[in-house]
Each structure stands twice: as structure tokens, then as C-alpha cells.
């Protein structure tokens, strides 16, 4: 089943290759969407694909060795049918 989730990662997640890692992990999992830095120091991501793949991406980002993720907020939203995963 295809799902789309909006995820907010908080902690030490900017300036550590987090978005680059998200893009390459998403591509490897066949997940589309986007990731961007937020003004408050968090990183926002929308990820769409098979639910297992999206959940695997979220878990991989929580375990990112260069970042320190303190909090993750996940919301399921309506799929948009993106064609790729981009860094904004």
C-alpha cells in the first residue's frame, strides 16, 4: 500500500549530512518526496512509497550516525505521486 508521511526530525540534524543521507537512502528504498532544513533547526521530510519502505527510511534517519535525533513527529498525509526524492 502506498502511503505518504510528513516527518519532523528534531535534535542535531542540520549541518551533518542529514538531507544527503535522506536522499540516498530514499532512492535506495524506492521512496519519493523531499527533505529540507527548517528555520528552527529541525528537518522536515515528506516520504511516499510502500509503507514498509517509508518506515525503513524513517528508522534509518533516526539511526543516522552523524546526527543526533532527539524527537520524531510523523503524520500520515494524502499521497501526491512524486517522481523522485529531492533536497530542498
C-alpha atoms as a PDB file:
ATOM      1  CA  UNK A   1       0.000   0.000   0.000  1.00  0.00           C
ATOM      2  CA  UNK A   2       1.324   3.451  -0.939  1.00  0.00           C
ATOM      3  CA  UNK A   3       1.490   5.978   1.881  1.00  0.00           C
ATOM      4  CA  UNK A   4       2.860   9.483   2.302  1.00  0.00           C
ATOM      5  CA  UNK A   5       4.149  10.700   5.629  1.00  0.00           C
ATOM      6  CA  UNK A   6       5.298  14.117   6.829  1.00  0.00           C
ATOM      7  CA  UNK A   7       8.133  13.749   9.309  1.00  0.00           C
ATOM      8  CA  UNK A   8       9.810  16.363  11.515  1.00  0.00           C
ATOM      9  CA  UNK A   9      13.214  15.379  12.928  1.00  0.00           C
ATOM     10  CA  UNK A  10      14.487  17.471  15.849  1.00  0.00           C
ATOM     11  CA  UNK A  11      17.902  17.487  17.511  1.00  0.00           C
ATOM     12  CA  UNK A  12      21.343  17.935  15.954  1.00  0.00           C
ATOM     13  CA  UNK A  13      20.128  17.272  12.420  1.00  0.00           C
ATOM     14  CA  UNK A  14      21.447  20.212  10.388  1.00  0.00           C
ATOM     15  CA  UNK A  15      24.988  20.534   9.086  1.00  0.00           C
ATOM     16  CA  UNK A  16      25.712  16.810   9.440  1.00  0.00           C
ATOM     17  CA  UNK A  17      24.779  15.421   6.001  1.00  0.00           C
ATOM     18  CA  UNK A  18      21.256  14.535   7.123  1.00  0.00           C
ATOM     19  CA  UNK A  19      19.458  15.638   3.936  1.00  0.00           C
ATOM     20  CA  UNK A  20      22.079  13.997   1.700  1.00  0.00           C
ATOM     21  CA  UNK A  21      21.714  10.753   3.649  1.00  0.00           C
ATOM     22  CA  UNK A  22      17.911  11.004   3.424  1.00  0.00           C
ATOM     23  CA  UNK A  23      18.006  11.408  -0.355  1.00  0.00           C
ATOM     24  CA  UNK A  24      20.348   8.494  -0.970  1.00  0.00           C
ATOM     25  CA  UNK A  25      18.535   6.211   1.468  1.00  0.00           C
ATOM     26  CA  UNK A  26      15.160   7.126  -0.039  1.00  0.00           C
ATOM     27  CA  UNK A  27      16.431   6.390  -3.553  1.00  0.00           C
ATOM     28  CA  UNK A  28      17.781   3.011  -2.443  1.00  0.00           C
ATOM     29  CA  UNK A  29      14.382   2.167  -0.909  1.00  0.00           C
ATOM     30  CA  UNK A  30      12.341   3.437  -3.866  1.00  0.00           C
ATOM     31  CA  UNK A  31      10.780   6.251  -1.819  1.00  0.00           C
ATOM     32  CA  UNK A  32       9.862   9.616  -3.368  1.00  0.00           C
ATOM     33  CA  UNK A  33       9.286  13.036  -1.774  1.00  0.00           C
ATOM     34  CA  UNK A  34      11.537  15.738  -0.371  1.00  0.00           C
ATOM     35  CA  UNK A  35      13.594  16.881   2.611  1.00  0.00           C
ATOM     36  CA  UNK A  36      14.502  20.400   3.793  1.00  0.00           C
ATOM     37  CA  UNK A  37      16.022  22.289   6.701  1.00  0.00           C
ATOM     38  CA  UNK A  38      13.634  24.362   8.828  1.00  0.00           C
ATOM     39  CA  UNK A  39      14.359  27.708  10.436  1.00  0.00           C
ATOM     40  CA  UNK A  40      14.041  26.264  13.942  1.00  0.00           C
ATOM     41  CA  UNK A  41      16.924  23.816  13.394  1.00  0.00           C
ATOM     42  CA  UNK A  42      14.743  20.787  12.640  1.00  0.00           C
ATOM     43  CA  UNK A  43      14.497  18.925   9.340  1.00  0.00           C
ATOM     44  CA  UNK A  44      11.159  18.301   7.617  1.00  0.00           C
ATOM     45  CA  UNK A  45      10.623  15.447   5.192  1.00  0.00           C
ATOM     46  CA  UNK A  46       7.729  14.093   3.157  1.00  0.00           C
ATOM     47  CA  UNK A  47       8.220  10.494   2.080  1.00  0.00           C
ATOM     48  CA  UNK A  48       5.966   8.449  -0.191  1.00  0.00           C
ATOM     49  CA  UNK A  49       6.061   4.823  -1.203  1.00  0.00           C
ATOM     50  CA  UNK A  50       5.392   1.370   0.127  1.00  0.00           C
ATOM     51  CA  UNK A  51       4.662   1.701   3.854  1.00  0.00           C
ATOM     52  CA  UNK A  52       7.499  -0.659   4.801  1.00  0.00           C
ATOM     53  CA  UNK A  53       9.966   1.364   2.721  1.00  0.00           C
ATOM     54  CA  UNK A  54       8.828   4.685   4.207  1.00  0.00           C
ATOM     55  CA  UNK A  55       9.087   3.272   7.733  1.00  0.00           C
ATOM     56  CA  UNK A  56      12.557   1.885   6.919  1.00  0.00           C
ATOM     57  CA  UNK A  57      13.619   5.364   5.759  1.00  0.00           C
ATOM     58  CA  UNK A  58      12.364   6.947   8.983  1.00  0.00           C
ATOM     59  CA  UNK A  59      14.227   4.358  11.051  1.00  0.00           C
ATOM     60  CA  UNK A  60      17.426   4.831   9.017  1.00  0.00           C
ATOM     61  CA  UNK A  61      17.281   8.571   9.627  1.00  0.00           C
ATOM     62  CA  UNK A  62      16.775   8.070  13.371  1.00  0.00           C
ATOM     63  CA  UNK A  63      19.891   5.879  13.391  1.00  0.00           C
ATOM     64  CA  UNK A  64      21.993   8.275  11.238  1.00  0.00           C
ATOM     65  CA  UNK A  65      25.484   8.115  12.742  1.00  0.00           C
ATOM     66  CA  UNK A  66      26.375  11.786  12.142  1.00  0.00           C
ATOM     67  CA  UNK A  67      23.137  13.198  13.557  1.00  0.00           C
ATOM     68  CA  UNK A  68      21.578  13.127  16.989  1.00  0.00           C
ATOM     69  CA  UNK A  69      17.814  12.795  16.569  1.00  0.00           C
ATOM     70  CA  UNK A  70      16.047  13.775  19.790  1.00  0.00           C
ATOM     71  CA  UNK A  71      12.437  13.691  18.559  1.00  0.00           C
ATOM     72  CA  UNK A  72      10.465  12.476  15.529  1.00  0.00           C
ATOM     73  CA  UNK A  73       6.923  13.570  14.703  1.00  0.00           C
ATOM     74  CA  UNK A  74       5.121  11.566  11.988  1.00  0.00           C
ATOM     75  CA  UNK A  75       1.837  12.421  10.300  1.00  0.00           C
ATOM     76  CA  UNK A  76       0.191  10.387   7.517  1.00  0.00           C
ATOM     77  CA  UNK A  77      -0.992  12.634   4.676  1.00  0.00           C
ATOM     78  CA  UNK A  78      -2.538  12.233   1.199  1.00  0.00           C
ATOM     79  CA  UNK A  79      -0.170  10.753  -1.444  1.00  0.00           C
ATOM     80  CA  UNK A  80       0.964  13.141  -4.213  1.00  0.00           C
ATOM     81  CA  UNK A  81       2.671  10.702  -6.611  1.00  0.00           C
ATOM     82  CA  UNK A  82       6.109  12.342  -6.802  1.00  0.00           C
ATOM     83  CA  UNK A  83       8.579  11.014  -9.351  1.00  0.00           C
ATOM     84  CA  UNK A  84      11.799  11.362  -7.346  1.00  0.00           C
ATOM     85  CA  UNK A  85      13.200  12.407  -3.960  1.00  0.00           C
ATOM     86  CA  UNK A  86      14.681  15.898  -3.751  1.00  0.00           C
ATOM     87  CA  UNK A  87      16.646  18.039  -1.332  1.00  0.00           C
ATOM     88  CA  UNK A  88      15.064  21.454  -0.977  1.00  0.00           C
END
